[in-house]
N, C-alpha and C. Protein backbone atom coordinates (compact mmCIF):
# COMPACT_ATOMS: atom_id res chain seq x y z
N MET A 1 -72.73 -30.69 -18.28
CA MET A 1 -71.57 -30.17 -18.39
C MET A 1 -70.98 -29.08 -18.15
N ARG A 2 -69.95 -28.78 -17.34
CA ARG A 2 -69.14 -27.75 -16.30
C ARG A 2 -68.41 -27.10 -17.60
N ILE A 3 -69.30 -25.77 -17.82
CA ILE A 3 -68.48 -24.76 -18.91
C ILE A 3 -67.90 -23.44 -18.19
N ALA A 4 -66.80 -23.08 -18.02
CA ALA A 4 -66.14 -21.55 -17.93
C ALA A 4 -65.63 -20.94 -19.04
N LEU A 5 -66.49 -19.53 -18.77
CA LEU A 5 -66.00 -18.56 -19.66
C LEU A 5 -65.49 -17.66 -18.89
N PHE A 6 -63.88 -17.27 -19.46
CA PHE A 6 -63.29 -16.08 -18.77
C PHE A 6 -63.53 -14.79 -20.08
N GLY A 7 -63.66 -13.96 -19.61
CA GLY A 7 -63.57 -12.33 -20.61
C GLY A 7 -64.81 -11.77 -20.52
N HIS A 8 -65.02 -10.45 -20.92
CA HIS A 8 -66.06 -9.86 -20.56
C HIS A 8 -66.85 -10.08 -22.18
N PHE A 9 -66.06 -10.10 -23.24
CA PHE A 9 -67.22 -10.42 -24.36
C PHE A 9 -67.84 -12.01 -24.53
N MET A 10 -67.31 -12.53 -23.24
CA MET A 10 -67.79 -13.87 -22.85
C MET A 10 -69.55 -13.95 -22.46
N TYR A 11 -69.74 -12.53 -22.30
CA TYR A 11 -71.33 -12.27 -21.12
C TYR A 11 -71.94 -13.04 -21.85
N GLU A 12 -72.73 -12.63 -23.40
CA GLU A 12 -73.65 -12.97 -24.13
C GLU A 12 -73.75 -14.51 -24.24
N LEU A 13 -72.29 -14.84 -24.43
CA LEU A 13 -72.38 -16.40 -24.93
C LEU A 13 -72.60 -17.50 -23.69
N ALA A 14 -72.27 -16.75 -22.44
CA ALA A 14 -72.07 -17.05 -20.93
C ALA A 14 -74.09 -17.49 -20.80
N VAL A 15 -74.79 -16.37 -20.78
CA VAL A 15 -75.94 -16.30 -20.65
C VAL A 15 -76.58 -17.61 -21.66
N GLY A 16 -76.46 -17.14 -22.73
CA GLY A 16 -76.90 -18.41 -23.84
C GLY A 16 -76.93 -19.92 -23.48
N LEU A 17 -75.60 -19.87 -22.79
CA LEU A 17 -75.20 -21.48 -22.62
C LEU A 17 -75.88 -21.55 -21.43
N ARG A 18 -76.11 -20.76 -20.40
CA ARG A 18 -77.03 -21.13 -19.36
C ARG A 18 -78.81 -21.70 -19.45
N GLU A 19 -78.91 -21.35 -20.36
CA GLU A 19 -80.42 -21.39 -20.90
C GLU A 19 -80.35 -22.71 -20.78
N ASN A 20 -79.48 -24.02 -21.42
CA ASN A 20 -79.56 -25.47 -21.32
C ASN A 20 -79.27 -25.44 -19.75
N PRO A 21 -80.68 -26.63 -19.26
CA PRO A 21 -80.33 -26.36 -17.85
C PRO A 21 -79.13 -28.18 -18.07
N ASP A 22 -78.72 -28.74 -18.81
CA ASP A 22 -77.74 -29.35 -18.51
C ASP A 22 -76.19 -28.99 -18.54
N ASN A 23 -76.20 -27.68 -19.05
CA ASN A 23 -75.04 -26.78 -18.57
C ASN A 23 -74.86 -26.38 -17.48
N ASP A 24 -73.52 -26.25 -16.63
CA ASP A 24 -73.19 -25.36 -15.36
C ASP A 24 -72.32 -24.49 -15.99
N VAL A 25 -72.70 -23.49 -16.19
CA VAL A 25 -72.14 -22.56 -16.89
C VAL A 25 -71.36 -20.88 -15.52
N GLN A 26 -70.56 -20.92 -15.22
CA GLN A 26 -70.00 -19.78 -14.95
C GLN A 26 -68.75 -18.67 -15.73
N LEU A 27 -68.78 -17.53 -15.35
CA LEU A 27 -68.58 -16.45 -16.02
C LEU A 27 -67.33 -15.94 -14.86
N PHE A 28 -66.26 -15.95 -15.12
CA PHE A 28 -65.14 -15.34 -14.82
C PHE A 28 -64.67 -13.95 -15.82
N LEU A 29 -65.08 -12.93 -14.74
CA LEU A 29 -65.10 -11.12 -15.55
C LEU A 29 -63.68 -10.79 -14.60
N ASP A 30 -62.85 -10.24 -15.21
CA ASP A 30 -61.86 -9.63 -14.52
C ASP A 30 -61.94 -8.03 -13.76
N SER A 31 -61.96 -7.64 -12.84
CA SER A 31 -62.46 -6.64 -12.30
C SER A 31 -62.03 -5.03 -12.74
N ALA A 32 -60.49 -5.36 -13.22
CA ALA A 32 -60.16 -4.17 -13.28
C ALA A 32 -60.47 -3.84 -15.04
N THR A 33 -60.90 -4.53 -15.86
CA THR A 33 -61.16 -4.16 -17.12
C THR A 33 -62.60 -4.37 -17.82
N LEU A 34 -63.30 -4.78 -16.38
CA LEU A 34 -64.75 -4.47 -16.80
C LEU A 34 -65.78 -3.26 -17.09
N PRO A 35 -66.05 -4.02 -18.65
CA PRO A 35 -66.40 -2.83 -19.09
C PRO A 35 -67.72 -1.64 -18.62
N THR A 36 -68.06 -0.44 -18.20
CA THR A 36 -68.70 -0.06 -18.02
C THR A 36 -70.18 -0.36 -18.28
N GLY A 37 -70.29 -0.83 -19.54
CA GLY A 37 -71.77 -1.35 -19.99
C GLY A 37 -72.38 -2.73 -19.58
N LEU A 38 -71.50 -2.82 -18.85
CA LEU A 38 -71.84 -4.38 -17.85
C LEU A 38 -71.81 -4.30 -16.61
N ARG A 39 -71.67 -3.05 -16.37
CA ARG A 39 -71.58 -3.74 -14.58
C ARG A 39 -72.93 -3.46 -13.70
N ASP A 40 -73.94 -3.04 -15.09
CA ASP A 40 -75.20 -3.11 -14.23
C ASP A 40 -75.68 -4.14 -14.37
N GLU A 41 -75.44 -5.26 -15.35
CA GLU A 41 -76.16 -6.16 -15.77
C GLU A 41 -76.37 -7.13 -14.46
N PRO A 42 -78.05 -7.27 -14.24
CA PRO A 42 -78.14 -7.99 -13.00
C PRO A 42 -77.40 -9.27 -12.49
N LEU A 43 -77.22 -9.88 -13.91
CA LEU A 43 -76.66 -11.79 -13.88
C LEU A 43 -75.39 -11.38 -13.01
N LEU A 44 -74.83 -10.33 -12.98
CA LEU A 44 -73.78 -10.20 -12.52
C LEU A 44 -73.15 -10.67 -10.77
N ASN A 45 -74.77 -9.98 -10.67
CA ASN A 45 -74.54 -10.24 -9.20
C ASN A 45 -75.23 -11.53 -8.50
N ASP A 46 -75.57 -12.40 -9.41
CA ASP A 46 -75.93 -13.97 -9.12
C ASP A 46 -74.20 -14.37 -8.81
N ALA A 47 -74.05 -15.18 -7.75
CA ALA A 47 -72.65 -15.74 -7.49
C ALA A 47 -72.33 -17.12 -8.04
N ALA A 48 -73.58 -17.68 -8.25
CA ALA A 48 -73.15 -19.01 -8.87
C ALA A 48 -73.41 -18.52 -10.39
N PHE A 49 -73.63 -17.58 -10.99
CA PHE A 49 -73.31 -17.47 -12.47
C PHE A 49 -71.97 -16.41 -12.82
N ALA A 50 -71.80 -15.62 -11.91
CA ALA A 50 -70.21 -14.75 -12.55
C ALA A 50 -69.51 -14.50 -10.99
N LYS A 51 -68.40 -14.39 -11.48
CA LYS A 51 -67.35 -14.16 -10.49
C LYS A 51 -66.56 -13.01 -11.30
N VAL A 52 -66.47 -11.80 -10.47
CA VAL A 52 -66.16 -10.73 -11.00
C VAL A 52 -65.06 -10.59 -9.58
N ALA A 53 -63.35 -10.51 -9.92
CA ALA A 53 -62.57 -10.35 -9.13
C ALA A 53 -61.42 -10.03 -10.20
N PRO A 54 -60.07 -9.26 -9.33
CA PRO A 54 -58.92 -8.81 -10.25
C PRO A 54 -58.07 -10.12 -10.55
N TRP A 55 -58.45 -10.83 -11.59
CA TRP A 55 -58.07 -12.10 -12.00
C TRP A 55 -56.91 -11.81 -12.80
N VAL A 56 -56.12 -10.64 -12.79
CA VAL A 56 -55.22 -10.60 -13.83
C VAL A 56 -54.58 -9.35 -13.61
N THR A 57 -53.14 -9.92 -12.58
CA THR A 57 -52.46 -8.90 -12.13
C THR A 57 -51.02 -9.44 -12.69
N HIS A 58 -50.05 -8.33 -12.37
CA HIS A 58 -48.43 -9.02 -12.64
C HIS A 58 -48.25 -10.26 -12.04
N ARG A 59 -48.67 -10.73 -10.91
CA ARG A 59 -48.03 -11.76 -10.10
C ARG A 59 -48.76 -12.98 -10.94
N GLU A 60 -49.71 -12.64 -11.04
CA GLU A 60 -50.87 -14.15 -11.68
C GLU A 60 -50.45 -14.14 -13.33
N ILE A 61 -50.09 -12.88 -14.12
CA ILE A 61 -49.23 -13.55 -15.42
C ILE A 61 -48.08 -14.10 -15.08
N LEU A 62 -47.24 -13.61 -14.03
CA LEU A 62 -45.65 -13.98 -13.91
C LEU A 62 -45.75 -15.24 -13.25
N ARG A 63 -46.80 -15.97 -12.77
CA ARG A 63 -46.56 -17.44 -12.07
C ARG A 63 -48.26 -17.79 -12.37
N PRO A 64 -48.49 -18.16 -13.49
CA PRO A 64 -50.06 -18.56 -14.21
C PRO A 64 -50.33 -19.81 -12.98
N ALA A 65 -49.60 -20.53 -13.32
CA ALA A 65 -50.12 -22.27 -12.61
C ALA A 65 -50.18 -21.93 -10.88
N ASP A 66 -50.17 -20.80 -10.57
CA ASP A 66 -50.58 -20.51 -8.93
C ASP A 66 -51.66 -19.53 -8.84
N ALA A 67 -51.82 -18.90 -10.00
CA ALA A 67 -53.24 -17.97 -9.96
C ALA A 67 -54.89 -18.54 -9.70
N GLU A 68 -55.04 -17.53 -8.91
CA GLU A 68 -56.49 -18.25 -8.47
C GLU A 68 -57.30 -18.61 -9.70
N ILE A 69 -57.32 -17.82 -10.74
CA ILE A 69 -58.02 -18.03 -11.66
C ILE A 69 -57.75 -19.34 -12.14
N THR A 70 -56.67 -19.84 -12.50
CA THR A 70 -56.17 -21.11 -12.81
C THR A 70 -56.91 -22.28 -12.23
N GLU A 71 -56.63 -22.14 -11.05
CA GLU A 71 -57.32 -23.14 -10.00
C GLU A 71 -58.96 -23.19 -10.15
N HIS A 72 -59.37 -22.15 -10.42
CA HIS A 72 -60.89 -22.52 -10.65
C HIS A 72 -61.08 -22.78 -11.88
N LEU A 73 -60.63 -22.55 -12.85
CA LEU A 73 -60.90 -23.17 -14.65
C LEU A 73 -60.53 -24.86 -14.57
N ALA A 74 -59.63 -24.94 -13.56
CA ALA A 74 -59.00 -26.36 -13.59
C ALA A 74 -60.27 -27.28 -13.04
N GLY A 75 -61.40 -26.64 -12.58
CA GLY A 75 -62.63 -27.29 -11.93
C GLY A 75 -63.54 -27.47 -13.06
N PHE A 76 -63.35 -27.21 -14.27
CA PHE A 76 -64.52 -27.03 -15.30
C PHE A 76 -64.01 -28.15 -16.20
N ASP A 77 -65.20 -28.90 -16.93
CA ASP A 77 -65.08 -29.83 -18.19
C ASP A 77 -64.53 -29.23 -19.48
N VAL A 78 -64.39 -27.66 -19.52
CA VAL A 78 -64.32 -27.18 -20.89
C VAL A 78 -64.13 -25.47 -20.72
N ALA A 79 -63.37 -24.78 -21.09
CA ALA A 79 -63.57 -23.22 -20.91
C ALA A 79 -63.24 -22.75 -21.94
N ILE A 80 -63.83 -21.44 -22.54
CA ILE A 80 -63.87 -20.93 -23.60
C ILE A 80 -63.53 -19.61 -23.03
N VAL A 81 -62.42 -18.68 -23.69
CA VAL A 81 -61.86 -17.99 -23.07
C VAL A 81 -61.39 -16.85 -24.11
N THR A 82 -60.89 -15.60 -23.85
CA THR A 82 -60.73 -14.51 -24.78
C THR A 82 -59.79 -13.90 -24.02
N ASP A 83 -59.33 -13.00 -24.18
CA ASP A 83 -58.10 -12.18 -23.55
C ASP A 83 -57.50 -12.54 -23.38
N LEU A 84 -56.61 -12.52 -21.80
CA LEU A 84 -55.32 -13.17 -21.66
C LEU A 84 -55.88 -14.95 -20.88
N GLY A 85 -57.20 -15.12 -21.07
CA GLY A 85 -57.27 -16.26 -20.63
C GLY A 85 -56.28 -17.16 -21.12
N PRO A 86 -56.42 -17.67 -22.10
CA PRO A 86 -55.20 -18.57 -22.75
C PRO A 86 -54.13 -19.05 -21.68
N ILE A 87 -53.18 -18.02 -21.09
CA ILE A 87 -52.43 -18.19 -20.24
C ILE A 87 -53.14 -18.76 -18.98
N PHE A 88 -54.35 -18.73 -18.27
CA PHE A 88 -54.85 -19.48 -17.38
C PHE A 88 -55.17 -20.75 -17.86
N ALA A 89 -56.22 -20.39 -19.07
CA ALA A 89 -56.51 -22.15 -19.56
C ALA A 89 -55.40 -23.34 -19.57
N ALA A 90 -54.19 -22.78 -20.19
CA ALA A 90 -53.47 -23.98 -20.72
C ALA A 90 -52.89 -24.28 -18.96
N SER A 91 -52.54 -23.71 -18.36
CA SER A 91 -52.23 -24.00 -17.02
C SER A 91 -52.68 -24.26 -16.05
N ALA A 92 -53.90 -24.43 -16.57
CA ALA A 92 -55.24 -25.12 -15.75
C ALA A 92 -55.10 -26.88 -16.37
N ALA A 93 -54.62 -27.00 -17.28
CA ALA A 93 -54.98 -28.13 -17.73
C ALA A 93 -56.23 -28.59 -18.03
N THR A 94 -56.81 -27.65 -18.91
CA THR A 94 -58.59 -28.00 -18.96
C THR A 94 -58.34 -27.94 -20.25
N GLU A 95 -59.34 -28.82 -21.25
CA GLU A 95 -59.72 -28.31 -22.76
C GLU A 95 -60.20 -26.68 -22.80
N PHE A 96 -59.66 -26.11 -23.63
CA PHE A 96 -60.32 -25.10 -23.96
C PHE A 96 -60.30 -24.50 -25.15
N VAL A 97 -61.35 -23.57 -25.74
CA VAL A 97 -61.34 -22.81 -26.96
C VAL A 97 -60.77 -21.39 -26.62
N PHE A 98 -59.80 -21.15 -27.79
CA PHE A 98 -60.09 -19.42 -27.52
C PHE A 98 -60.78 -18.62 -28.50
N VAL A 99 -61.34 -17.70 -28.11
CA VAL A 99 -62.34 -16.83 -28.89
C VAL A 99 -61.71 -15.67 -28.65
N PRO A 100 -60.61 -14.77 -29.87
CA PRO A 100 -60.10 -13.94 -29.87
C PRO A 100 -60.89 -12.23 -29.67
N SER A 101 -60.65 -11.61 -28.84
CA SER A 101 -61.25 -10.36 -29.25
C SER A 101 -60.41 -9.26 -30.36
N GLY A 102 -59.58 -9.57 -30.55
CA GLY A 102 -58.72 -8.75 -31.41
C GLY A 102 -57.20 -8.90 -31.00
N TRP A 103 -56.99 -7.62 -30.27
CA TRP A 103 -55.71 -7.69 -30.02
C TRP A 103 -55.07 -8.60 -29.14
N ASP A 104 -55.77 -9.49 -28.59
CA ASP A 104 -54.97 -10.31 -27.83
C ASP A 104 -54.47 -11.61 -28.76
N LEU A 105 -55.07 -11.61 -30.14
CA LEU A 105 -54.63 -12.61 -30.93
C LEU A 105 -53.62 -11.74 -32.21
N THR A 106 -53.62 -10.67 -32.68
CA THR A 106 -53.04 -9.91 -33.59
C THR A 106 -52.13 -8.86 -32.59
N HIS A 107 -52.11 -8.28 -31.28
CA HIS A 107 -51.22 -7.60 -31.06
C HIS A 107 -50.77 -8.16 -29.95
N ALA A 108 -51.20 -8.68 -28.89
CA ALA A 108 -50.35 -8.78 -27.73
C ALA A 108 -49.51 -10.27 -27.48
N PRO A 109 -49.29 -10.96 -28.73
CA PRO A 109 -48.37 -11.98 -28.71
C PRO A 109 -47.10 -12.01 -29.74
N PHE A 110 -47.21 -10.39 -30.13
CA PHE A 110 -46.31 -10.39 -30.98
C PHE A 110 -45.65 -9.10 -30.13
N PRO A 111 -44.66 -8.63 -29.29
CA PRO A 111 -44.26 -7.22 -29.03
C PRO A 111 -43.58 -6.72 -29.56
N PHE A 112 -43.30 -7.41 -30.51
CA PHE A 112 -41.99 -6.41 -31.09
C PHE A 112 -42.37 -6.20 -32.16
N ARG A 113 -43.29 -6.28 -33.37
CA ARG A 113 -44.19 -5.83 -34.22
C ARG A 113 -45.04 -4.97 -33.74
N SER A 114 -45.38 -4.97 -32.22
CA SER A 114 -46.89 -4.17 -32.05
C SER A 114 -46.09 -3.04 -31.25
N ARG A 115 -44.69 -2.79 -30.88
CA ARG A 115 -43.97 -1.64 -30.28
C ARG A 115 -44.72 -0.51 -30.40
N SER A 116 -44.59 -0.05 -31.64
CA SER A 116 -44.98 1.24 -32.18
C SER A 116 -46.45 1.36 -32.00
N THR A 117 -47.24 0.68 -31.45
CA THR A 117 -48.74 1.35 -31.05
C THR A 117 -49.00 1.25 -29.39
N ARG A 118 -47.89 1.26 -28.42
CA ARG A 118 -47.82 1.51 -27.26
C ARG A 118 -46.42 2.13 -26.51
N ARG A 119 -46.68 2.78 -25.14
CA ARG A 119 -45.71 3.71 -24.88
C ARG A 119 -44.67 3.11 -24.50
N ARG A 120 -43.22 3.32 -24.79
CA ARG A 120 -41.85 2.39 -24.26
C ARG A 120 -41.23 2.71 -23.08
N GLY A 121 -40.80 1.76 -22.92
CA GLY A 121 -40.27 1.84 -20.71
C GLY A 121 -40.58 0.45 -20.71
N ARG A 122 -40.27 0.70 -19.13
CA ARG A 122 -40.37 -0.48 -18.52
C ARG A 122 -41.66 -1.23 -18.68
N SER A 123 -42.76 -0.96 -19.28
CA SER A 123 -43.58 -1.93 -19.17
C SER A 123 -43.35 -3.20 -20.42
N ASP A 124 -42.20 -2.27 -21.44
CA ASP A 124 -42.00 -3.61 -22.52
C ASP A 124 -41.43 -4.73 -22.15
N LEU A 125 -40.74 -4.63 -21.05
CA LEU A 125 -40.43 -6.07 -20.55
C LEU A 125 -41.55 -6.93 -19.77
N LEU A 126 -42.56 -6.20 -19.51
CA LEU A 126 -43.79 -7.13 -19.05
C LEU A 126 -44.56 -7.12 -20.27
N GLU A 127 -44.28 -6.76 -21.41
CA GLU A 127 -45.08 -6.71 -22.73
C GLU A 127 -44.67 -8.07 -23.26
N VAL A 128 -43.06 -7.98 -23.09
CA VAL A 128 -42.67 -9.57 -23.72
C VAL A 128 -43.02 -10.67 -22.77
N VAL A 129 -42.94 -10.77 -21.30
CA VAL A 129 -43.29 -11.99 -20.40
C VAL A 129 -44.86 -12.11 -20.68
N VAL A 130 -45.74 -11.38 -21.30
CA VAL A 130 -47.37 -11.70 -21.54
C VAL A 130 -47.18 -12.25 -22.79
N ALA A 131 -46.52 -11.62 -23.85
CA ALA A 131 -46.36 -12.04 -25.12
C ALA A 131 -46.08 -13.96 -25.23
N ALA A 132 -44.61 -14.07 -24.25
CA ALA A 132 -44.41 -15.60 -24.29
C ALA A 132 -45.49 -16.52 -23.65
N ARG A 133 -46.22 -15.86 -22.31
CA ARG A 133 -46.81 -16.85 -21.92
C ARG A 133 -48.74 -16.92 -22.77
N LEU A 134 -49.23 -16.17 -23.29
CA LEU A 134 -50.10 -16.14 -24.15
C LEU A 134 -50.04 -16.56 -25.64
N ARG A 135 -48.29 -16.50 -26.20
CA ARG A 135 -48.25 -17.26 -27.21
C ARG A 135 -48.39 -18.91 -26.53
N ARG A 136 -47.60 -19.25 -25.41
CA ARG A 136 -47.82 -20.62 -25.07
C ARG A 136 -49.35 -20.96 -24.85
N GLY A 137 -50.36 -19.79 -24.53
CA GLY A 137 -51.53 -20.39 -24.05
C GLY A 137 -52.45 -20.73 -25.73
N ILE A 138 -52.38 -19.81 -26.33
CA ILE A 138 -52.71 -19.70 -27.55
C ILE A 138 -52.60 -21.13 -28.35
N ARG A 139 -51.16 -21.64 -28.23
CA ARG A 139 -51.16 -22.75 -29.02
C ARG A 139 -51.55 -24.29 -28.34
N ALA A 140 -52.03 -24.21 -26.94
CA ALA A 140 -52.22 -24.99 -26.42
C ALA A 140 -53.98 -25.82 -26.50
N ALA A 141 -54.51 -24.27 -26.91
CA ALA A 141 -55.38 -24.40 -27.27
C ALA A 141 -56.45 -25.34 -28.10
N THR A 142 -57.72 -26.04 -27.66
CA THR A 142 -58.02 -27.18 -28.51
C THR A 142 -58.74 -26.43 -30.22
N SER A 143 -59.20 -25.10 -29.66
CA SER A 143 -59.65 -24.48 -30.78
C SER A 143 -59.31 -23.04 -31.22
N ILE A 144 -59.28 -22.51 -32.47
CA ILE A 144 -59.27 -20.94 -31.91
C ILE A 144 -60.42 -20.98 -33.11
N TRP A 145 -61.45 -19.87 -32.61
CA TRP A 145 -62.76 -19.77 -32.56
C TRP A 145 -62.92 -18.39 -33.54
N ALA A 146 -62.66 -17.71 -34.65
CA ALA A 146 -62.83 -16.60 -35.41
C ALA A 146 -62.75 -16.41 -36.47
N SER A 147 -63.28 -15.39 -36.85
CA SER A 147 -63.31 -15.41 -38.87
C SER A 147 -61.93 -15.39 -39.16
N ALA A 148 -62.04 -15.24 -40.71
CA ALA A 148 -60.78 -15.40 -41.65
C ALA A 148 -60.10 -14.23 -41.76
N PHE A 149 -60.50 -13.17 -40.91
CA PHE A 149 -60.34 -11.58 -41.36
C PHE A 149 -58.65 -11.55 -41.57
N LEU A 150 -57.87 -11.31 -42.52
CA LEU A 150 -56.55 -11.37 -42.99
C LEU A 150 -55.68 -11.23 -41.80
N PRO A 151 -55.84 -9.91 -41.13
CA PRO A 151 -55.08 -9.76 -39.40
C PRO A 151 -54.88 -11.12 -38.54
N VAL A 152 -56.22 -11.53 -38.54
CA VAL A 152 -56.54 -12.86 -37.83
C VAL A 152 -55.82 -14.15 -38.33
N ARG A 153 -56.12 -14.48 -39.81
CA ARG A 153 -55.27 -15.16 -40.39
C ARG A 153 -53.85 -15.19 -40.23
N LEU A 154 -52.99 -13.85 -40.29
CA LEU A 154 -51.91 -14.01 -40.48
C LEU A 154 -51.47 -14.46 -38.92
N ALA A 155 -51.61 -13.42 -38.13
CA ALA A 155 -51.31 -14.02 -36.64
C ALA A 155 -51.66 -15.50 -36.61
N VAL A 156 -52.84 -16.31 -36.60
CA VAL A 156 -52.79 -17.76 -36.42
C VAL A 156 -51.54 -18.48 -37.09
N GLU A 157 -51.43 -17.71 -38.64
CA GLU A 157 -50.07 -18.61 -39.05
C GLU A 157 -48.97 -18.52 -38.15
N ARG A 158 -48.50 -16.86 -37.94
CA ARG A 158 -47.33 -16.93 -37.10
C ARG A 158 -47.01 -17.53 -35.74
N LEU A 159 -48.12 -17.80 -35.28
CA LEU A 159 -48.11 -18.69 -34.11
C LEU A 159 -48.13 -20.49 -34.59
N GLY A 160 -48.40 -20.77 -35.94
CA GLY A 160 -48.43 -22.11 -36.28
C GLY A 160 -49.41 -22.59 -35.96
N CYS A 161 -50.48 -22.28 -35.93
CA CYS A 161 -51.56 -22.75 -35.26
C CYS A 161 -52.63 -22.65 -36.83
N SER A 162 -53.99 -23.18 -36.29
CA SER A 162 -54.57 -23.00 -37.53
C SER A 162 -56.25 -22.54 -37.14
N LEU A 163 -57.28 -21.78 -37.70
CA LEU A 163 -58.41 -21.72 -37.34
C LEU A 163 -59.36 -23.05 -37.14
N GLY A 164 -60.04 -22.92 -36.25
CA GLY A 164 -61.16 -24.18 -35.96
C GLY A 164 -62.14 -23.87 -36.19
N GLY A 165 -62.71 -22.52 -36.32
CA GLY A 165 -64.23 -22.38 -36.83
C GLY A 165 -64.38 -20.90 -36.44
N CYS A 166 -65.70 -20.74 -36.34
CA CYS A 166 -65.63 -19.29 -36.24
C CYS A 166 -67.39 -19.06 -35.41
N LEU A 167 -67.31 -18.28 -34.31
CA LEU A 167 -68.18 -18.32 -33.44
C LEU A 167 -69.11 -17.08 -33.66
N PRO A 168 -70.35 -16.74 -34.86
CA PRO A 168 -70.33 -15.88 -35.35
C PRO A 168 -71.43 -14.68 -34.27
N GLN A 169 -71.42 -13.73 -34.35
CA GLN A 169 -72.06 -13.11 -32.99
C GLN A 169 -73.91 -12.95 -33.80
N ALA A 170 -74.55 -12.92 -32.48
CA ALA A 170 -75.88 -12.99 -32.84
C ALA A 170 -76.48 -11.88 -33.29
N ILE A 171 -77.17 -11.45 -34.33
CA ILE A 171 -77.78 -10.16 -35.01
C ILE A 171 -79.21 -10.38 -34.71
N ASP A 172 -80.08 -9.36 -33.92
CA ASP A 172 -81.50 -9.55 -34.10
C ASP A 172 -81.42 -8.57 -35.61
N THR A 173 -82.10 -9.23 -36.69
CA THR A 173 -82.06 -8.42 -37.75
C THR A 173 -83.68 -7.81 -37.91
N GLU A 174 -84.49 -8.03 -36.99
CA GLU A 174 -85.59 -7.09 -36.99
C GLU A 174 -85.06 -5.91 -36.60
N LEU A 175 -84.30 -5.61 -35.29
CA LEU A 175 -83.99 -4.70 -34.61
C LEU A 175 -82.90 -3.86 -35.54
N PHE A 176 -82.40 -4.09 -36.25
CA PHE A 176 -81.26 -3.66 -37.15
C PHE A 176 -81.40 -3.68 -38.63
N SER A 177 -82.64 -4.08 -38.89
CA SER A 177 -82.89 -3.94 -40.19
C SER A 177 -83.30 -2.17 -40.89
N PRO A 178 -82.78 -2.32 -42.17
CA PRO A 178 -83.17 -0.71 -42.49
C PRO A 178 -84.31 -0.48 -42.31
N VAL A 179 -84.69 0.91 -42.18
CA VAL A 179 -86.00 1.72 -42.35
C VAL A 179 -86.57 1.46 -43.58
N VAL A 180 -87.80 0.69 -44.22
CA VAL A 180 -87.81 0.67 -45.51
C VAL A 180 -88.98 1.83 -45.48
N ALA A 181 -88.73 2.90 -46.46
CA ALA A 181 -90.24 4.24 -46.55
C ALA A 181 -90.87 3.70 -48.13
N PRO A 182 -92.32 3.70 -47.75
CA PRO A 182 -92.73 3.39 -48.57
C PRO A 182 -92.31 4.32 -49.85
N LEU A 183 -92.55 3.97 -50.99
CA LEU A 183 -92.47 4.75 -52.35
C LEU A 183 -93.63 5.73 -52.77
N SER A 184 -93.26 6.72 -52.78
CA SER A 184 -94.40 7.74 -53.11
C SER A 184 -94.54 8.14 -54.63
N VAL A 185 -95.44 7.92 -54.95
CA VAL A 185 -95.78 8.13 -56.66
C VAL A 185 -96.08 9.44 -56.39
N ASN A 186 -95.70 10.46 -57.69
CA ASN A 186 -96.38 11.52 -57.75
C ASN A 186 -97.26 11.15 -58.76
N ALA A 187 -98.42 11.81 -58.58
CA ALA A 187 -99.70 11.78 -59.81
C ALA A 187 -99.18 12.08 -60.85
N ARG A 188 -98.64 13.32 -61.07
CA ARG A 188 -98.09 14.17 -62.16
C ARG A 188 -97.12 13.21 -62.85
N SER A 189 -97.55 13.26 -64.23
CA SER A 189 -96.42 12.24 -64.87
C SER A 189 -95.39 13.34 -65.41
N GLY A 190 -95.99 14.53 -65.35
CA GLY A 190 -94.66 15.24 -66.25
C GLY A 190 -94.60 16.72 -66.03
N PRO A 191 -93.45 17.20 -66.63
CA PRO A 191 -93.70 18.71 -65.77
C PRO A 191 -94.89 19.65 -66.35
N GLY A 192 -95.10 20.25 -65.62
CA GLY A 192 -96.32 21.72 -65.87
C GLY A 192 -97.34 21.41 -65.13
């Protein structure tokens, strides 16, 4: 199966899906928003696995059907996207799942509700365009994978969608378990 993943929150999932030899996995990361913590990952140098480029620009948002990332996503059987990925996946006409990172579901689709959390001015117009494109993209998703956290549920309801499941984060329970110190028993049973 050919699987495309878009967004830096998809790195670990892409690495895991790649472990199955039946999967042809490609990760697309926007170079403008690439987190510092991912920049040194050796797998990002593997051109067969990761494509890091300026995928999301004003031009691409205004004309997602003509965007290069849309053309790439169209060549896959399925896409798993986050951030602004639904804008391009919907235009690619590829089956896709939306895994929100937070702001891309609770903030960006609702520019009037979220205007107090950003600078005001000319960027407000772009925010309205992004919101319209993102709402359309999210509604076109085959499924939305997110926890049923109240702000997520409210945003999904406002969009007229439903949650399709949850993609839990893998946690190494040995590494992140509390250190249990042995109880010390005081030999003296009473004062003095």
